[in-house]
Amino acid sequence: MSFSEKFIVLPFQKVRGNLAPAEMRQASSPAAAERIASSMASRFVGVAAYSVMVDLESGDMSSPRVLCQFGETADLAAA
């Protein structure tokens, strides 16, 4: 298995009263992920930027690390 560190931004919205993930965005660096998350914060109930390890063969993500978060967010494993 070959792993690569990726940076993602995951916004959250309320769906029928529950917190649900919206469309994930990829970023080129930790700083870019934090900028994107900050700019999205006013449009969603919550936004979080993460660093994740991605298995390049299967596409599976593991080892999430929160870079920053705004508002209400959920555990990445649950999203």
N, C-alpha and C. Protein backbone atom coordinates (compact mmCIF):
# COMPACT_ATOMS: atom_id res chain seq x y z
N MET A 1 0.83 -1.19 0.00
CA MET A 1 0.00 0.00 0.00
C MET A 1 0.87 1.25 0.00
N SER A 2 0.44 2.22 -0.76
CA SER A 2 1.14 3.49 -0.85
C SER A 2 0.22 4.59 -0.34
N PHE A 3 0.71 5.36 0.62
CA PHE A 3 -0.11 6.40 1.24
C PHE A 3 0.41 7.79 0.87
N SER A 4 -0.53 8.73 0.82
CA SER A 4 -0.19 10.13 0.54
C SER A 4 -1.03 11.01 1.46
N GLU A 5 -0.43 12.07 1.97
CA GLU A 5 -1.17 13.01 2.81
C GLU A 5 -1.97 13.96 1.92
N LYS A 6 -3.26 14.09 2.22
CA LYS A 6 -4.15 14.99 1.48
C LYS A 6 -4.82 15.94 2.47
N PHE A 7 -5.28 17.06 1.97
CA PHE A 7 -5.93 18.07 2.80
C PHE A 7 -7.34 18.28 2.26
N ILE A 8 -8.32 18.13 3.14
CA ILE A 8 -9.71 18.24 2.71
C ILE A 8 -10.47 19.21 3.61
N VAL A 9 -11.52 19.77 3.05
CA VAL A 9 -12.42 20.65 3.78
C VAL A 9 -13.80 20.04 3.69
N LEU A 10 -14.44 19.85 4.83
CA LEU A 10 -15.74 19.21 4.87
C LEU A 10 -16.75 20.13 5.55
N PRO A 11 -17.69 20.68 4.78
CA PRO A 11 -18.74 21.50 5.38
C PRO A 11 -19.87 20.61 5.91
N PHE A 12 -20.60 21.11 6.89
CA PHE A 12 -21.73 20.38 7.47
C PHE A 12 -22.97 21.24 7.39
N GLN A 13 -24.11 20.57 7.20
CA GLN A 13 -25.39 21.26 7.14
C GLN A 13 -26.41 20.48 7.98
N LYS A 14 -27.51 21.12 8.29
CA LYS A 14 -28.59 20.46 9.03
C LYS A 14 -29.56 19.85 8.02
N VAL A 15 -29.84 18.57 8.19
CA VAL A 15 -30.80 17.86 7.35
C VAL A 15 -31.78 17.17 8.30
N ARG A 16 -33.02 17.65 8.27
CA ARG A 16 -34.06 17.12 9.17
C ARG A 16 -33.62 17.17 10.63
N GLY A 17 -32.95 18.23 10.98
CA GLY A 17 -32.51 18.43 12.35
C GLY A 17 -31.22 17.73 12.73
N ASN A 18 -30.65 16.96 11.82
CA ASN A 18 -29.40 16.25 12.10
C ASN A 18 -28.25 16.86 11.32
N LEU A 19 -27.07 16.76 11.87
CA LEU A 19 -25.86 17.26 11.22
C LEU A 19 -25.44 16.28 10.13
N ALA A 20 -25.25 16.77 8.90
CA ALA A 20 -24.85 15.90 7.78
C ALA A 20 -23.75 16.58 6.98
N PRO A 21 -22.81 15.79 6.44
CA PRO A 21 -21.74 16.38 5.64
C PRO A 21 -22.27 16.84 4.29
N ALA A 22 -21.72 17.93 3.79
CA ALA A 22 -22.02 18.41 2.44
C ALA A 22 -20.86 17.97 1.54
N GLU A 23 -20.70 18.60 0.39
CA GLU A 23 -19.68 18.18 -0.55
C GLU A 23 -18.28 18.53 -0.06
N MET A 24 -17.42 17.52 -0.04
CA MET A 24 -16.04 17.67 0.41
C MET A 24 -15.22 18.36 -0.68
N ARG A 25 -14.30 19.22 -0.26
CA ARG A 25 -13.38 19.89 -1.19
C ARG A 25 -11.95 19.53 -0.83
N GLN A 26 -11.12 19.37 -1.83
CA GLN A 26 -9.70 19.08 -1.60
C GLN A 26 -8.93 20.39 -1.66
N ALA A 27 -7.87 20.47 -0.88
CA ALA A 27 -7.01 21.66 -0.86
C ALA A 27 -5.57 21.23 -1.15
N SER A 28 -4.76 22.17 -1.58
CA SER A 28 -3.39 21.86 -1.96
C SER A 28 -2.40 21.85 -0.79
N SER A 29 -2.78 22.49 0.32
CA SER A 29 -1.88 22.58 1.47
C SER A 29 -2.71 22.80 2.74
N PRO A 30 -2.08 22.67 3.90
CA PRO A 30 -2.82 22.94 5.14
C PRO A 30 -3.32 24.39 5.20
N ALA A 31 -2.49 25.33 4.75
CA ALA A 31 -2.89 26.74 4.77
C ALA A 31 -4.08 26.99 3.84
N ALA A 32 -4.06 26.37 2.67
CA ALA A 32 -5.17 26.52 1.72
C ALA A 32 -6.44 25.91 2.30
N ALA A 33 -6.33 24.77 2.97
CA ALA A 33 -7.50 24.13 3.59
C ALA A 33 -8.10 25.04 4.66
N GLU A 34 -7.26 25.67 5.45
CA GLU A 34 -7.75 26.59 6.49
C GLU A 34 -8.41 27.82 5.87
N ARG A 35 -7.86 28.35 4.78
CA ARG A 35 -8.47 29.51 4.10
C ARG A 35 -9.84 29.14 3.52
N ILE A 36 -9.91 27.98 2.88
CA ILE A 36 -11.18 27.54 2.29
C ILE A 36 -12.23 27.34 3.38
N ALA A 37 -11.84 26.69 4.47
CA ALA A 37 -12.77 26.46 5.58
C ALA A 37 -13.26 27.78 6.15
N SER A 38 -12.36 28.71 6.33
CA SER A 38 -12.73 30.01 6.88
C SER A 38 -13.72 30.73 5.96
N SER A 39 -13.48 30.67 4.66
CA SER A 39 -14.37 31.36 3.73
C SER A 39 -15.73 30.69 3.61
N MET A 40 -15.82 29.40 3.90
CA MET A 40 -17.09 28.67 3.83
C MET A 40 -17.89 28.75 5.12
N ALA A 41 -17.27 29.17 6.20
CA ALA A 41 -17.87 29.11 7.53
C ALA A 41 -19.20 29.86 7.64
N SER A 42 -19.35 30.95 6.93
CA SER A 42 -20.59 31.73 7.05
C SER A 42 -21.76 31.11 6.29
N ARG A 43 -21.50 30.14 5.41
CA ARG A 43 -22.56 29.53 4.60
C ARG A 43 -23.05 28.19 5.12
N PHE A 44 -22.38 27.64 6.14
CA PHE A 44 -22.74 26.32 6.66
C PHE A 44 -22.82 26.38 8.18
N VAL A 45 -23.50 25.39 8.79
CA VAL A 45 -23.57 25.35 10.26
C VAL A 45 -22.23 24.97 10.86
N GLY A 46 -21.37 24.36 10.06
CA GLY A 46 -20.04 24.00 10.51
C GLY A 46 -19.15 23.65 9.34
N VAL A 47 -17.86 23.84 9.51
CA VAL A 47 -16.86 23.50 8.49
C VAL A 47 -15.61 23.06 9.22
N ALA A 48 -14.98 22.00 8.73
CA ALA A 48 -13.72 21.55 9.31
C ALA A 48 -12.71 21.26 8.20
N ALA A 49 -11.46 21.57 8.46
CA ALA A 49 -10.37 21.23 7.54
C ALA A 49 -9.56 20.11 8.19
N TYR A 50 -9.22 19.11 7.39
CA TYR A 50 -8.52 17.94 7.89
C TYR A 50 -7.29 17.62 7.05
N SER A 51 -6.34 16.97 7.69
CA SER A 51 -5.25 16.31 7.01
C SER A 51 -5.56 14.82 7.14
N VAL A 52 -5.54 14.09 6.02
CA VAL A 52 -5.83 12.66 6.05
C VAL A 52 -4.78 11.91 5.26
N MET A 53 -4.59 10.66 5.59
CA MET A 53 -3.72 9.79 4.81
C MET A 53 -4.62 9.00 3.87
N VAL A 54 -4.28 9.00 2.58
CA VAL A 54 -5.09 8.32 1.58
C VAL A 54 -4.28 7.18 0.97
N ASP A 55 -4.88 5.98 0.96
CA ASP A 55 -4.29 4.84 0.29
C ASP A 55 -4.47 5.07 -1.21
N LEU A 56 -3.38 5.25 -1.94
CA LEU A 56 -3.46 5.59 -3.35
C LEU A 56 -4.04 4.46 -4.20
N GLU A 57 -3.98 3.24 -3.72
CA GLU A 57 -4.52 2.11 -4.48
C GLU A 57 -6.02 1.98 -4.31
N SER A 58 -6.51 2.11 -3.07
CA SER A 58 -7.94 1.89 -2.81
C SER A 58 -8.73 3.18 -2.66
N GLY A 59 -8.05 4.29 -2.36
CA GLY A 59 -8.74 5.56 -2.12
C GLY A 59 -9.25 5.71 -0.70
N ASP A 60 -8.99 4.73 0.16
CA ASP A 60 -9.44 4.78 1.55
C ASP A 60 -8.68 5.85 2.32
N MET A 61 -9.43 6.60 3.17
CA MET A 61 -8.82 7.63 4.00
C MET A 61 -8.65 7.10 5.42
N SER A 62 -7.56 7.49 6.08
CA SER A 62 -7.33 7.11 7.46
C SER A 62 -6.54 8.21 8.17
N SER A 63 -6.40 8.08 9.47
CA SER A 63 -5.62 8.99 10.30
C SER A 63 -6.01 10.45 10.14
N PRO A 64 -7.31 10.78 10.28
CA PRO A 64 -7.70 12.19 10.15
C PRO A 64 -7.15 13.04 11.29
N ARG A 65 -6.72 14.24 10.95
CA ARG A 65 -6.23 15.19 11.94
C ARG A 65 -6.89 16.54 11.63
N VAL A 66 -7.57 17.10 12.62
CA VAL A 66 -8.26 18.37 12.43
C VAL A 66 -7.24 19.50 12.35
N LEU A 67 -7.33 20.30 11.28
CA LEU A 67 -6.47 21.47 11.13
C LEU A 67 -7.16 22.70 11.72
N CYS A 68 -8.47 22.83 11.47
CA CYS A 68 -9.26 23.90 12.06
C CYS A 68 -10.74 23.54 11.92
N GLN A 69 -11.57 24.15 12.74
CA GLN A 69 -13.00 23.91 12.62
C GLN A 69 -13.77 25.14 13.05
N PHE A 70 -14.93 25.32 12.43
CA PHE A 70 -15.83 26.43 12.70
C PHE A 70 -17.23 25.89 12.89
N GLY A 71 -17.93 26.36 13.89
CA GLY A 71 -19.32 25.96 14.13
C GLY A 71 -19.46 24.50 14.54
N GLU A 72 -20.60 23.91 14.17
CA GLU A 72 -20.91 22.52 14.54
C GLU A 72 -20.31 21.57 13.51
N THR A 73 -19.50 20.63 13.98
CA THR A 73 -18.92 19.62 13.11
C THR A 73 -19.12 18.25 13.75
N ALA A 74 -18.99 17.23 12.91
CA ALA A 74 -19.13 15.85 13.39
C ALA A 74 -17.78 15.15 13.25
N ASP A 75 -17.69 14.00 13.89
CA ASP A 75 -16.51 13.17 13.78
C ASP A 75 -16.34 12.74 12.32
N LEU A 76 -15.15 12.88 11.76
CA LEU A 76 -14.90 12.55 10.36
C LEU A 76 -15.23 11.08 10.07
N ALA A 77 -14.98 10.20 11.00
CA ALA A 77 -15.27 8.78 10.79
C ALA A 77 -16.77 8.55 10.66
N ALA A 78 -17.57 9.38 11.32
CA ALA A 78 -19.02 9.24 11.25
C ALA A 78 -19.59 9.87 9.99
N ALA A 79 -18.84 10.79 9.41
CA ALA A 79 -19.32 11.49 8.21
C ALA A 79 -19.10 10.62 7.00
